[in-house]
Amino acid sequence: MRTRITALILATVTGLAGCGPSDSQACQPVPVRDEQGNDYRCVASEDCPRSPTMTLCVRDIPGPLECIRCLDTRCVRVPPETC
């Protein structure tokens, strides 16, 4: 019984702290658009426009920093895993 209560408390605190998976719009990949509002198209992540500080995603899962990748022939910004 005590173990269940502890687990429930930890789950509640974790949820309130913003940890764990989130379905919010802020945590979804964001399309990279040009000046006309069209999606940038790509074959590989290297085709995507990015600032000097933006990194390419090297994994299929979010990393510690925001990165850019080619997903289904569209350039997208992937939010950090802390999202």
PDB file of N, CA and C in Angstrom:
ATOM      1  N   MET A   1       0.828  -1.189   0.000  1.00  0.00           N
ATOM      2  CA  MET A   1       0.000   0.000   0.000  1.00  0.00           C
ATOM      3  C   MET A   1       0.880   1.264   0.000  1.00  0.00           C
ATOM      4  N   ARG A   2       1.898   1.258   0.843  1.00  0.00           N
ATOM      5  CA  ARG A   2       2.778   2.422   0.932  1.00  0.00           C
ATOM      6  C   ARG A   2       3.522   2.656  -0.385  1.00  0.00           C
ATOM      7  N   THR A   3       3.899   1.578  -1.066  1.00  0.00           N
ATOM      8  CA  THR A   3       4.604   1.674  -2.345  1.00  0.00           C
ATOM      9  C   THR A   3       3.699   2.317  -3.393  1.00  0.00           C
ATOM     10  N   ARG A   4       2.424   1.959  -3.401  1.00  0.00           N
ATOM     11  CA  ARG A   4       1.482   2.544  -4.359  1.00  0.00           C
ATOM     12  C   ARG A   4       1.309   4.036  -4.119  1.00  0.00           C
ATOM     13  N   ILE A   5       1.223   4.426  -2.896  1.00  0.00           N
ATOM     14  CA  ILE A   5       1.067   5.846  -2.563  1.00  0.00           C
ATOM     15  C   ILE A   5       2.306   6.627  -2.985  1.00  0.00           C
ATOM     16  N   THR A   6       3.477   6.072  -2.719  1.00  0.00           N
ATOM     17  CA  THR A   6       4.731   6.719  -3.124  1.00  0.00           C
ATOM     18  C   THR A   6       4.788   6.857  -4.642  1.00  0.00           C
ATOM     19  N   ALA A   7       4.414   5.806  -5.369  1.00  0.00           N
ATOM     20  CA  ALA A   7       4.423   5.852  -6.829  1.00  0.00           C
ATOM     21  C   ALA A   7       3.437   6.891  -7.340  1.00  0.00           C
ATOM     22  N   LEU A   8       2.269   6.991  -6.726  1.00  0.00           N
ATOM     23  CA  LEU A   8       1.261   7.974  -7.113  1.00  0.00           C
ATOM     24  C   LEU A   8       1.755   9.393  -6.873  1.00  0.00           C
ATOM     25  N   ILE A   9       2.388   9.609  -5.753  1.00  0.00           N
ATOM     26  CA  ILE A   9       2.938  10.931  -5.440  1.00  0.00           C
ATOM     27  C   ILE A   9       4.029  11.301  -6.433  1.00  0.00           C
ATOM     28  N   LEU A  10       4.930  10.375  -6.729  1.00  0.00           N
ATOM     29  CA  LEU A  10       6.005  10.640  -7.696  1.00  0.00           C
ATOM     30  C   LEU A  10       5.446  10.928  -9.084  1.00  0.00           C
ATOM     31  N   ALA A  11       4.440  10.194  -9.506  1.00  0.00           N
ATOM     32  CA  ALA A  11       3.834  10.425 -10.822  1.00  0.00           C
ATOM     33  C   ALA A  11       3.175  11.799 -10.884  1.00  0.00           C
ATOM     34  N   THR A  12       2.514  12.196  -9.804  1.00  0.00           N
ATOM     35  CA  THR A  12       1.868  13.501  -9.755  1.00  0.00           C
ATOM     36  C   THR A  12       2.888  14.628  -9.797  1.00  0.00           C
ATOM     37  N   VAL A  13       3.936  14.520  -9.002  1.00  0.00           N
ATOM     38  CA  VAL A  13       4.979  15.542  -8.968  1.00  0.00           C
ATOM     39  C   VAL A  13       5.672  15.639 -10.330  1.00  0.00           C
ATOM     40  N   THR A  14       5.965  14.507 -10.930  1.00  0.00           N
ATOM     41  CA  THR A  14       6.600  14.495 -12.246  1.00  0.00           C
ATOM     42  C   THR A  14       5.716  15.175 -13.272  1.00  0.00           C
ATOM     43  N   GLY A  15       4.440  14.885 -13.251  1.00  0.00           N
ATOM     44  CA  GLY A  15       3.507  15.521 -14.185  1.00  0.00           C
ATOM     45  C   GLY A  15       3.420  17.014 -13.973  1.00  0.00           C
ATOM     46  N   LEU A  16       3.407  17.468 -12.729  1.00  0.00           N
ATOM     47  CA  LEU A  16       3.330  18.898 -12.436  1.00  0.00           C
ATOM     48  C   LEU A  16       4.621  19.613 -12.798  1.00  0.00           C
ATOM     49  N   ALA A  17       5.736  18.906 -12.736  1.00  0.00           N
ATOM     50  CA  ALA A  17       7.024  19.518 -13.050  1.00  0.00           C
ATOM     51  C   ALA A  17       7.256  19.621 -14.549  1.00  0.00           C
ATOM     52  N   GLY A  18       6.376  19.020 -15.339  1.00  0.00           N
ATOM     53  CA  GLY A  18       6.523  19.103 -16.783  1.00  0.00           C
ATOM     54  C   GLY A  18       7.431  18.047 -17.359  1.00  0.00           C
ATOM     55  N   CYS A  19       7.741  17.023 -16.609  1.00  0.00           N
ATOM     56  CA  CYS A  19       8.597  15.961 -17.117  1.00  0.00           C
ATOM     57  C   CYS A  19       7.739  14.917 -17.812  1.00  0.00           C
ATOM     58  N   GLY A  20       8.378  14.151 -18.648  1.00  0.00           N
ATOM     59  CA  GLY A  20       7.685  13.072 -19.314  1.00  0.00           C
ATOM     60  C   GLY A  20       7.117  13.502 -20.641  1.00  0.00           C
ATOM     61  N   PRO A  21       6.478  12.574 -21.348  1.00  0.00           N
ATOM     62  CA  PRO A  21       5.973  12.870 -22.679  1.00  0.00           C
ATOM     63  C   PRO A  21       4.884  13.926 -22.643  1.00  0.00           C
ATOM     64  N   SER A  22       4.823  14.711 -23.695  1.00  0.00           N
ATOM     65  CA  SER A  22       3.823  15.766 -23.779  1.00  0.00           C
ATOM     66  C   SER A  22       3.226  15.773 -25.171  1.00  0.00           C
ATOM     67  N   ASP A  23       1.934  16.022 -25.266  1.00  0.00           N
ATOM     68  CA  ASP A  23       1.261  16.089 -26.552  1.00  0.00           C
ATOM     69  C   ASP A  23       1.024  17.526 -26.985  1.00  0.00           C
ATOM     70  N   SER A  24       1.599  18.488 -26.272  1.00  0.00           N
ATOM     71  CA  SER A  24       1.347  19.885 -26.600  1.00  0.00           C
ATOM     72  C   SER A  24       1.944  20.236 -27.952  1.00  0.00           C
ATOM     73  N   GLN A  25       1.394  21.263 -28.579  1.00  0.00           N
ATOM     74  CA  GLN A  25       1.882  21.727 -29.878  1.00  0.00           C
ATOM     75  C   GLN A  25       3.344  22.145 -29.796  1.00  0.00           C
ATOM     76  N   ALA A  26       3.785  22.670 -28.675  1.00  0.00           N
ATOM     77  CA  ALA A  26       5.163  23.133 -28.523  1.00  0.00           C
ATOM     78  C   ALA A  26       6.169  21.989 -28.624  1.00  0.00           C
ATOM     79  N   CYS A  27       5.727  20.768 -28.418  1.00  0.00           N
ATOM     80  CA  CYS A  27       6.636  19.626 -28.433  1.00  0.00           C
ATOM     81  C   CYS A  27       6.622  18.866 -29.759  1.00  0.00           C
ATOM     82  N   GLN A  28       5.862  19.312 -30.716  1.00  0.00           N
ATOM     83  CA  GLN A  28       5.776  18.661 -32.023  1.00  0.00           C
ATOM     84  C   GLN A  28       6.784  19.272 -32.989  1.00  0.00           C
ATOM     85  N   PRO A  29       7.264  18.498 -33.962  1.00  0.00           N
ATOM     86  CA  PRO A  29       8.138  19.074 -34.993  1.00  0.00           C
ATOM     87  C   PRO A  29       7.428  20.215 -35.718  1.00  0.00           C
ATOM     88  N   VAL A  30       8.172  21.277 -36.016  1.00  0.00           N
ATOM     89  CA  VAL A  30       7.615  22.470 -36.646  1.00  0.00           C
ATOM     90  C   VAL A  30       8.160  22.591 -38.069  1.00  0.00           C
ATOM     91  N   PRO A  31       7.278  22.702 -39.078  1.00  0.00           N
ATOM     92  CA  PRO A  31       7.761  22.841 -40.450  1.00  0.00           C
ATOM     93  C   PRO A  31       8.591  24.114 -40.622  1.00  0.00           C
ATOM     94  N   VAL A  32       9.639  24.013 -41.425  1.00  0.00           N
ATOM     95  CA  VAL A  32      10.456  25.180 -41.770  1.00  0.00           C
ATOM     96  C   VAL A  32       9.871  25.741 -43.058  1.00  0.00           C
ATOM     97  N   ARG A  33       9.512  27.029 -43.045  1.00  0.00           N
ATOM     98  CA  ARG A  33       8.841  27.639 -44.189  1.00  0.00           C
ATOM     99  C   ARG A  33       9.684  28.756 -44.787  1.00  0.00           C
ATOM    100  N   ASP A  34       9.500  28.980 -46.084  1.00  0.00           N
ATOM    101  CA  ASP A  34      10.202  30.070 -46.764  1.00  0.00           C
ATOM    102  C   ASP A  34       9.403  31.362 -46.611  1.00  0.00           C
ATOM    103  N   GLU A  35       9.856  32.434 -47.260  1.00  0.00           N
ATOM    104  CA  GLU A  35       9.227  33.753 -47.128  1.00  0.00           C
ATOM    105  C   GLU A  35       7.781  33.759 -47.618  1.00  0.00           C
ATOM    106  N   GLN A  36       7.435  32.880 -48.552  1.00  0.00           N
ATOM    107  CA  GLN A  36       6.074  32.804 -49.075  1.00  0.00           C
ATOM    108  C   GLN A  36       5.171  31.887 -48.247  1.00  0.00           C
ATOM    109  N   GLY A  37       5.735  31.264 -47.223  1.00  0.00           N
ATOM    110  CA  GLY A  37       4.955  30.387 -46.354  1.00  0.00           C
ATOM    111  C   GLY A  37       4.909  28.939 -46.814  1.00  0.00           C
ATOM    112  N   ASN A  38       5.705  28.597 -47.822  1.00  0.00           N
ATOM    113  CA  ASN A  38       5.759  27.219 -48.313  1.00  0.00           C
ATOM    114  C   ASN A  38       6.778  26.411 -47.518  1.00  0.00           C
ATOM    115  N   ASP A  39       6.488  25.131 -47.349  1.00  0.00           N
ATOM    116  CA  ASP A  39       7.434  24.246 -46.669  1.00  0.00           C
ATOM    117  C   ASP A  39       8.694  24.106 -47.508  1.00  0.00           C
ATOM    118  N   TYR A  40       9.851  24.099 -46.826  1.00  0.00           N
ATOM    119  CA  TYR A  40      11.102  23.776 -47.512  1.00  0.00           C
ATOM    120  C   TYR A  40      11.091  22.279 -47.775  1.00  0.00           C
ATOM    121  N   ARG A  41      11.398  21.881 -48.998  1.00  0.00           N
ATOM    122  CA  ARG A  41      11.455  20.470 -49.378  1.00  0.00           C
ATOM    123  C   ARG A  41      12.900  19.983 -49.302  1.00  0.00           C
ATOM    124  N   CYS A  42      13.071  18.687 -49.047  1.00  0.00           N
ATOM    125  CA  CYS A  42      14.417  18.142 -48.890  1.00  0.00           C
ATOM    126  C   CYS A  42      14.454  16.677 -49.271  1.00  0.00           C
ATOM    127  N   VAL A  43      15.653  16.202 -49.468  1.00  0.00           N
ATOM    128  CA  VAL A  43      15.925  14.782 -49.655  1.00  0.00           C
ATOM    129  C   VAL A  43      16.697  14.281 -48.436  1.00  0.00           C
ATOM    130  N   ALA A  44      17.555  15.152 -47.901  1.00  0.00           N
ATOM    131  CA  ALA A  44      18.355  14.843 -46.710  1.00  0.00           C
ATOM    132  C   ALA A  44      18.348  16.060 -45.784  1.00  0.00           C
ATOM    133  N   SER A  45      18.667  15.855 -44.540  1.00  0.00           N
ATOM    134  CA  SER A  45      18.679  16.946 -43.562  1.00  0.00           C
ATOM    135  C   SER A  45      19.634  18.064 -43.965  1.00  0.00           C
ATOM    136  N   GLU A  46      20.701  17.718 -44.660  1.00  0.00           N
ATOM    137  CA  GLU A  46      21.673  18.717 -45.093  1.00  0.00           C
ATOM    138  C   GLU A  46      21.066  19.718 -46.078  1.00  0.00           C
ATOM    139  N   ASP A  47      19.953  19.371 -46.712  1.00  0.00           N
ATOM    140  CA  ASP A  47      19.276  20.269 -47.658  1.00  0.00           C
ATOM    141  C   ASP A  47      18.512  21.387 -46.957  1.00  0.00           C
ATOM    142  N   CYS A  48      18.267  21.245 -45.673  1.00  0.00           N
ATOM    143  CA  CYS A  48      17.431  22.195 -44.936  1.00  0.00           C
ATOM    144  C   CYS A  48      18.218  23.447 -44.549  1.00  0.00           C
ATOM    145  N   PRO A  49      17.575  24.612 -44.694  1.00  0.00           N
ATOM    146  CA  PRO A  49      18.245  25.850 -44.273  1.00  0.00           C
ATOM    147  C   PRO A  49      18.309  25.911 -42.753  1.00  0.00           C
ATOM    148  N   ARG A  50      19.414  26.417 -42.251  1.00  0.00           N
ATOM    149  CA  ARG A  50      19.547  26.524 -40.793  1.00  0.00           C
ATOM    150  C   ARG A  50      20.552  27.608 -40.455  1.00  0.00           C
ATOM    151  N   SER A  51      20.430  28.115 -39.257  1.00  0.00           N
ATOM    152  CA  SER A  51      21.366  29.124 -38.767  1.00  0.00           C
ATOM    153  C   SER A  51      22.673  28.430 -38.381  1.00  0.00           C
ATOM    154  N   PRO A  52      23.729  29.206 -38.191  1.00  0.00           N
ATOM    155  CA  PRO A  52      25.011  28.600 -37.791  1.00  0.00           C
ATOM    156  C   PRO A  52      24.941  27.862 -36.456  1.00  0.00           C
ATOM    157  N   THR A  53      23.989  28.212 -35.613  1.00  0.00           N
ATOM    158  CA  THR A  53      23.890  27.554 -34.309  1.00  0.00           C
ATOM    159  C   THR A  53      22.936  26.367 -34.310  1.00  0.00           C
ATOM    160  N   MET A  54      22.174  26.169 -35.388  1.00  0.00           N
ATOM    161  CA  MET A  54      21.218  25.062 -35.466  1.00  0.00           C
ATOM    162  C   MET A  54      21.951  23.806 -35.917  1.00  0.00           C
ATOM    163  N   THR A  55      21.743  22.712 -35.215  1.00  0.00           N
ATOM    164  CA  THR A  55      22.402  21.453 -35.559  1.00  0.00           C
ATOM    165  C   THR A  55      21.466  20.567 -36.376  1.00  0.00           C
ATOM    166  N   LEU A  56      22.039  19.605 -37.056  1.00  0.00           N
ATOM    167  CA  LEU A  56      21.256  18.592 -37.751  1.00  0.00           C
ATOM    168  C   LEU A  56      20.922  17.492 -36.757  1.00  0.00           C
ATOM    169  N   CYS A  57      19.722  16.950 -36.851  1.00  0.00           N
ATOM    170  CA  CYS A  57      19.353  15.829 -35.995  1.00  0.00           C
ATOM    171  C   CYS A  57      20.119  14.603 -36.467  1.00  0.00           C
ATOM    172  N   VAL A  58      20.710  13.892 -35.547  1.00  0.00           N
ATOM    173  CA  VAL A  58      21.475  12.700 -35.894  1.00  0.00           C
ATOM    174  C   VAL A  58      20.774  11.417 -35.451  1.00  0.00           C
ATOM    175  N   ARG A  59      19.671  11.573 -34.728  1.00  0.00           N
ATOM    176  CA  ARG A  59      18.904  10.414 -34.273  1.00  0.00           C
ATOM    177  C   ARG A  59      17.439  10.632 -34.619  1.00  0.00           C
ATOM    178  N   ASP A  60      16.646   9.566 -34.552  1.00  0.00           N
ATOM    179  CA  ASP A  60      15.212   9.681 -34.808  1.00  0.00           C
ATOM    180  C   ASP A  60      14.447  10.127 -33.568  1.00  0.00           C
ATOM    181  N   ILE A  61      15.137  10.227 -32.451  1.00  0.00           N
ATOM    182  CA  ILE A  61      14.488  10.669 -31.219  1.00  0.00           C
ATOM    183  C   ILE A  61      15.047  12.040 -30.850  1.00  0.00           C
ATOM    184  N   PRO A  62      14.264  12.862 -30.129  1.00  0.00           N
ATOM    185  CA  PRO A  62      14.755  14.187 -29.749  1.00  0.00           C
ATOM    186  C   PRO A  62      16.017  14.114 -28.900  1.00  0.00           C
ATOM    187  N   GLY A  63      16.897  15.073 -29.092  1.00  0.00           N
ATOM    188  CA  GLY A  63      18.124  15.174 -28.315  1.00  0.00           C
ATOM    189  C   GLY A  63      18.008  16.295 -27.292  1.00  0.00           C
ATOM    190  N   PRO A  64      19.112  16.675 -26.679  1.00  0.00           N
ATOM    191  CA  PRO A  64      19.080  17.712 -25.646  1.00  0.00           C
ATOM    192  C   PRO A  64      18.886  19.123 -26.207  1.00  0.00           C
ATOM    193  N   LEU A  65      19.116  19.320 -27.522  1.00  0.00           N
ATOM    194  CA  LEU A  65      18.965  20.635 -28.144  1.00  0.00           C
ATOM    195  C   LEU A  65      18.019  20.556 -29.332  1.00  0.00           C
ATOM    196  N   GLU A  66      17.436  21.686 -29.678  1.00  0.00           N
ATOM    197  CA  GLU A  66      16.609  21.736 -30.884  1.00  0.00           C
ATOM    198  C   GLU A  66      17.492  21.448 -32.093  1.00  0.00           C
ATOM    199  N   CYS A  67      16.963  20.718 -33.060  1.00  0.00           N
ATOM    200  CA  CYS A  67      17.731  20.408 -34.268  1.00  0.00           C
ATOM    201  C   CYS A  67      16.796  20.440 -35.468  1.00  0.00           C
ATOM    202  N   ILE A  68      17.379  20.312 -36.649  1.00  0.00           N
ATOM    203  CA  ILE A  68      16.593  20.323 -37.879  1.00  0.00           C
ATOM    204  C   ILE A  68      16.828  19.023 -38.621  1.00  0.00           C
ATOM    205  N   ARG A  69      15.764  18.532 -39.286  1.00  0.00           N
ATOM    206  CA  ARG A  69      15.893  17.282 -40.036  1.00  0.00           C
ATOM    207  C   ARG A  69      14.942  17.261 -41.205  1.00  0.00           C
ATOM    208  N   CYS A  70      15.169  16.338 -42.105  1.00  0.00           N
ATOM    209  CA  CYS A  70      14.298  16.118 -43.248  1.00  0.00           C
ATOM    210  C   CYS A  70      13.346  14.992 -42.855  1.00  0.00           C
ATOM    211  N   LEU A  71      12.066  15.285 -42.819  1.00  0.00           N
ATOM    212  CA  LEU A  71      11.056  14.308 -42.416  1.00  0.00           C
ATOM    213  C   LEU A  71       9.979  14.265 -43.491  1.00  0.00           C
ATOM    214  N   ASP A  72       9.853  13.154 -44.163  1.00  0.00           N
ATOM    215  CA  ASP A  72       8.861  12.998 -45.241  1.00  0.00           C
ATOM    216  C   ASP A  72       9.011  14.087 -46.297  1.00  0.00           C
ATOM    217  N   THR A  73      10.208  14.334 -46.733  1.00  0.00           N
ATOM    218  CA  THR A  73      10.594  15.325 -47.759  1.00  0.00           C
ATOM    219  C   THR A  73      10.307  16.768 -47.354  1.00  0.00           C
ATOM    220  N   ARG A  74      10.133  17.035 -46.060  1.00  0.00           N
ATOM    221  CA  ARG A  74       9.939  18.399 -45.557  1.00  0.00           C
ATOM    222  C   ARG A  74      10.968  18.671 -44.472  1.00  0.00           C
ATOM    223  N   CYS A  75      11.476  19.895 -44.456  1.00  0.00           N
ATOM    224  CA  CYS A  75      12.385  20.304 -43.384  1.00  0.00           C
ATOM    225  C   CYS A  75      11.557  20.646 -42.145  1.00  0.00           C
ATOM    226  N   VAL A  76      11.933  20.105 -40.997  1.00  0.00           N
ATOM    227  CA  VAL A  76      11.247  20.408 -39.746  1.00  0.00           C
ATOM    228  C   VAL A  76      12.255  20.674 -38.639  1.00  0.00           C
ATOM    229  N   ARG A  77      11.860  21.556 -37.707  1.00  0.00           N
ATOM    230  CA  ARG A  77      12.648  21.775 -36.493  1.00  0.00           C
ATOM    231  C   ARG A  77      12.092  20.846 -35.430  1.00  0.00           C
ATOM    232  N   VAL A  78      12.970  20.095 -34.792  1.00  0.00           N
ATOM    233  CA  VAL A  78      12.580  19.151 -33.757  1.00  0.00           C
ATOM    234  C   VAL A  78      12.927  19.746 -32.397  1.00  0.00           C
ATOM    235  N   PRO A  79      11.912  19.900 -31.507  1.00  0.00           N
ATOM    236  CA  PRO A  79      12.203  20.484 -30.191  1.00  0.00           C
ATOM    237  C   PRO A  79      13.077  19.561 -29.343  1.00  0.00           C
ATOM    238  N   PRO A  80      13.712  20.098 -28.316  1.00  0.00           N
ATOM    239  CA  PRO A  80      14.574  19.273 -27.455  1.00  0.00           C
ATOM    240  C   PRO A  80      13.761  18.263 -26.666  1.00  0.00           C
ATOM    241  N   GLU A  81      14.440  17.223 -26.196  1.00  0.00           N
ATOM    242  CA  GLU A  81      13.771  16.154 -25.451  1.00  0.00           C
ATOM    243  C   GLU A  81      13.157  16.634 -24.142  1.00  0.00           C
ATOM    244  N   THR A  82      13.611  17.774 -23.638  1.00  0.00           N
ATOM    245  CA  THR A  82      13.072  18.276 -22.372  1.00  0.00           C
ATOM    246  C   THR A  82      11.637  18.754 -22.533  1.00  0.00           C
ATOM    247  N   CYS A  83      11.177  18.869 -23.745  1.00  0.00           N
ATOM    248  CA  CYS A  83       9.824  19.266 -24.014  1.00  0.00           C
ATOM    249  C   CYS A  83       8.908  18.184 -23.497  1.00  0.00           C
TER     250      CYS A  83
END
